[in-house]
């Protein structure tokens, strides 16, 4: 399952957004029905995980944590407690909690970014602040690709 694209949308007065049709098609083709939403660990955006991807990430996290270490238990608790299960209605809309909208500083405008097996949701002005200029992107991309082992 691969999500790609950069789609601008609006949130209605009740805090609902339409999941872009291109992303809904990918979910349907993959047989995914449930989604998990949480704030990104590093960026000021929200991330939609198909349930299978969420479960893989959760298993990976758990494999790195020791259940009898207090700090590890705290990390796991914080990671899962900030997640919310979301479901699409018959029209492809889903509700974003006021808490998460506030955390990501999303008002009415929202930008969906396909990020391989997840979907990021940004306040457009916040997204612009994180993106590099075309020149910076090209230089960094070249550096990364030249440091990769031969494919």
Protein backbone atom coordinates (compact mmCIF):
# COMPACT_ATOMS: atom_id res chain seq x y z
CA UNK A 1 0.00 0.00 0.00
CA UNK A 2 1.49 3.31 -1.12
CA UNK A 3 -0.02 6.74 -0.72
CA UNK A 4 1.33 9.52 -2.90
CA UNK A 5 0.09 13.01 -3.52
CA UNK A 6 -0.31 16.47 -2.04
CA UNK A 7 -3.98 17.42 -1.72
CA UNK A 8 -5.48 20.59 -0.26
CA UNK A 9 -8.85 20.33 1.50
CA UNK A 10 -11.08 22.00 4.08
CA UNK A 11 -12.43 20.92 7.44
CA UNK A 12 -16.11 21.53 8.09
CA UNK A 13 -17.53 23.29 11.17
CA UNK A 14 -17.88 19.96 13.00
CA UNK A 15 -14.20 19.08 12.54
CA UNK A 16 -14.73 16.58 9.73
CA UNK A 17 -12.56 16.19 6.66
CA UNK A 18 -13.00 14.20 3.48
CA UNK A 19 -10.22 11.71 3.00
CA UNK A 20 -9.10 12.41 -0.58
CA UNK A 21 -10.54 9.91 -3.07
CA UNK A 22 -7.08 8.86 -4.29
CA UNK A 23 -6.21 7.75 -0.74
CA UNK A 24 -9.60 6.06 -0.19
CA UNK A 25 -8.99 3.98 -3.33
CA UNK A 26 -5.64 2.77 -1.97
CA UNK A 27 -7.30 1.80 1.33
CA UNK A 28 -10.11 -0.04 -0.44
CA UNK A 29 -7.71 -1.89 -2.74
CA UNK A 30 -5.75 -3.00 0.33
CA UNK A 31 -8.86 -4.11 2.19
CA UNK A 32 -8.22 -1.62 5.00
CA UNK A 33 -11.24 -0.29 6.85
CA UNK A 34 -9.88 1.10 10.11
CA UNK A 35 -7.49 4.01 10.60
CA UNK A 36 -5.51 5.31 13.57
CA UNK A 37 -4.73 9.02 13.95
CA UNK A 38 -2.07 10.59 16.15
CA UNK A 39 0.31 13.52 16.17
CA UNK A 40 3.61 12.77 14.48
CA UNK A 41 6.45 12.05 16.90
CA UNK A 42 8.82 14.57 15.26
CA UNK A 43 6.78 17.03 13.19
CA UNK A 44 3.86 19.31 14.01
CA UNK A 45 1.40 17.37 11.88
CA UNK A 46 -1.08 14.52 12.24
CA UNK A 47 -0.53 11.05 10.79
CA UNK A 48 -3.21 8.66 9.59
CA UNK A 49 -2.13 5.03 9.81
CA UNK A 50 -4.05 2.21 8.18
CA UNK A 51 -4.71 -0.26 11.00
CA UNK A 52 -2.25 -2.85 9.66
CA UNK A 53 0.53 -0.24 9.45
CA UNK A 54 -0.28 1.03 12.96
CA UNK A 55 -0.05 -2.54 14.28
CA UNK A 56 3.33 -3.04 12.58
CA UNK A 57 4.67 0.20 14.07
CA UNK A 58 3.32 -0.69 17.50
CA UNK A 59 4.96 -4.13 17.31
CA UNK A 60 8.25 -2.52 16.29
CA UNK A 61 8.06 -0.07 19.18
CA UNK A 62 7.23 -2.84 21.65
CA UNK A 63 10.19 -4.89 20.39
CA UNK A 64 12.50 -2.02 21.37
CA UNK A 65 11.03 -1.56 24.86
CA UNK A 66 11.44 -3.60 28.00
CA UNK A 67 8.10 -4.09 29.80
CA UNK A 68 9.70 -3.86 33.24
CA UNK A 69 11.52 -0.55 32.73
CA UNK A 70 9.61 2.43 34.01
CA UNK A 71 10.78 4.85 31.29
CA UNK A 72 9.94 2.33 28.58
CA UNK A 73 6.48 1.83 29.99
CA UNK A 74 6.01 5.62 30.05
CA UNK A 75 7.10 5.93 26.41
CA UNK A 76 4.70 3.23 25.30
CA UNK A 77 1.85 4.73 27.32
CA UNK A 78 2.37 8.18 25.85
CA UNK A 79 2.64 6.84 22.31
CA UNK A 80 -0.59 4.84 22.43
CA UNK A 81 -2.58 7.21 24.62
CA UNK A 82 -2.29 9.99 22.07
CA UNK A 83 -3.73 7.82 19.28
CA UNK A 84 -7.36 7.79 18.20
CA UNK A 85 -9.25 5.30 16.07
CA UNK A 86 -11.09 7.00 13.21
CA UNK A 87 -13.63 5.59 10.82
CA UNK A 88 -14.78 6.91 7.50
CA UNK A 89 -18.49 7.55 7.08
CA UNK A 90 -20.37 6.61 3.90
CA UNK A 91 -19.16 9.81 2.22
CA UNK A 92 -15.49 9.27 3.06
CA UNK A 93 -15.44 11.82 5.90
CA UNK A 94 -13.85 11.36 9.29
CA UNK A 95 -13.86 13.38 12.49
CA UNK A 96 -10.67 14.96 13.77
CA UNK A 97 -10.81 15.67 17.50
CA UNK A 98 -10.46 19.27 18.66
CA UNK A 99 -7.48 18.19 20.75
CA UNK A 100 -5.57 16.94 17.70
CA UNK A 101 -6.57 19.91 15.54
CA UNK A 102 -5.19 22.22 18.22
CA UNK A 103 -1.97 20.25 18.64
CA UNK A 104 -1.27 20.41 14.89
CA UNK A 105 -2.47 24.03 14.64
CA UNK A 106 -4.96 23.08 11.91
CA UNK A 107 -7.88 25.45 11.42
CA UNK A 108 -10.09 25.19 8.35
CA UNK A 109 -7.49 24.46 5.67
CA UNK A 110 -5.69 21.14 5.68
CA UNK A 111 -3.12 19.57 3.43
CA UNK A 112 -2.91 15.79 2.96
CA UNK A 113 0.50 14.37 2.03
CA UNK A 114 0.88 10.74 0.95
CA UNK A 115 3.92 9.37 2.78
CA UNK A 116 4.26 5.82 1.46
CA UNK A 117 2.16 3.74 3.88
CA UNK A 118 0.83 6.64 5.96
CA UNK A 119 -0.90 9.96 5.29
CA UNK A 120 0.24 13.20 6.91
CA UNK A 121 -2.19 16.03 7.61
CA UNK A 122 -0.77 19.54 7.89
CA UNK A 123 -1.81 23.11 8.42
CA UNK A 124 -0.64 24.50 5.03
CA UNK A 125 1.45 27.29 6.56
CA UNK A 126 3.21 24.81 8.90
CA UNK A 127 4.02 22.54 5.96
CA UNK A 128 5.56 25.44 4.03
CA UNK A 129 7.83 26.17 7.01
CA UNK A 130 9.22 22.63 7.00
CA UNK A 131 9.90 22.28 3.27
CA UNK A 132 13.30 23.11 1.83
CA UNK A 133 13.86 25.34 -1.17
CA UNK A 134 14.24 23.50 -4.47
CA UNK A 135 18.00 24.17 -4.42
CA UNK A 136 18.42 22.92 -0.83
CA UNK A 137 16.34 19.85 -1.64
CA UNK A 138 18.43 19.05 -4.71
CA UNK A 139 21.71 19.36 -2.82
CA UNK A 140 20.54 17.19 0.09
CA UNK A 141 18.96 14.64 -2.24
CA UNK A 142 22.20 14.32 -4.19
CA UNK A 143 24.21 13.93 -0.97
CA UNK A 144 21.91 11.22 0.35
CA UNK A 145 21.80 9.31 -2.92
CA UNK A 146 25.57 9.50 -3.40
CA UNK A 147 26.11 8.08 0.09
CA UNK A 148 23.85 5.08 -0.57
CA UNK A 149 25.37 1.74 -1.37
CA UNK A 150 25.06 0.63 -4.98
CA UNK A 151 21.52 -0.53 -5.71
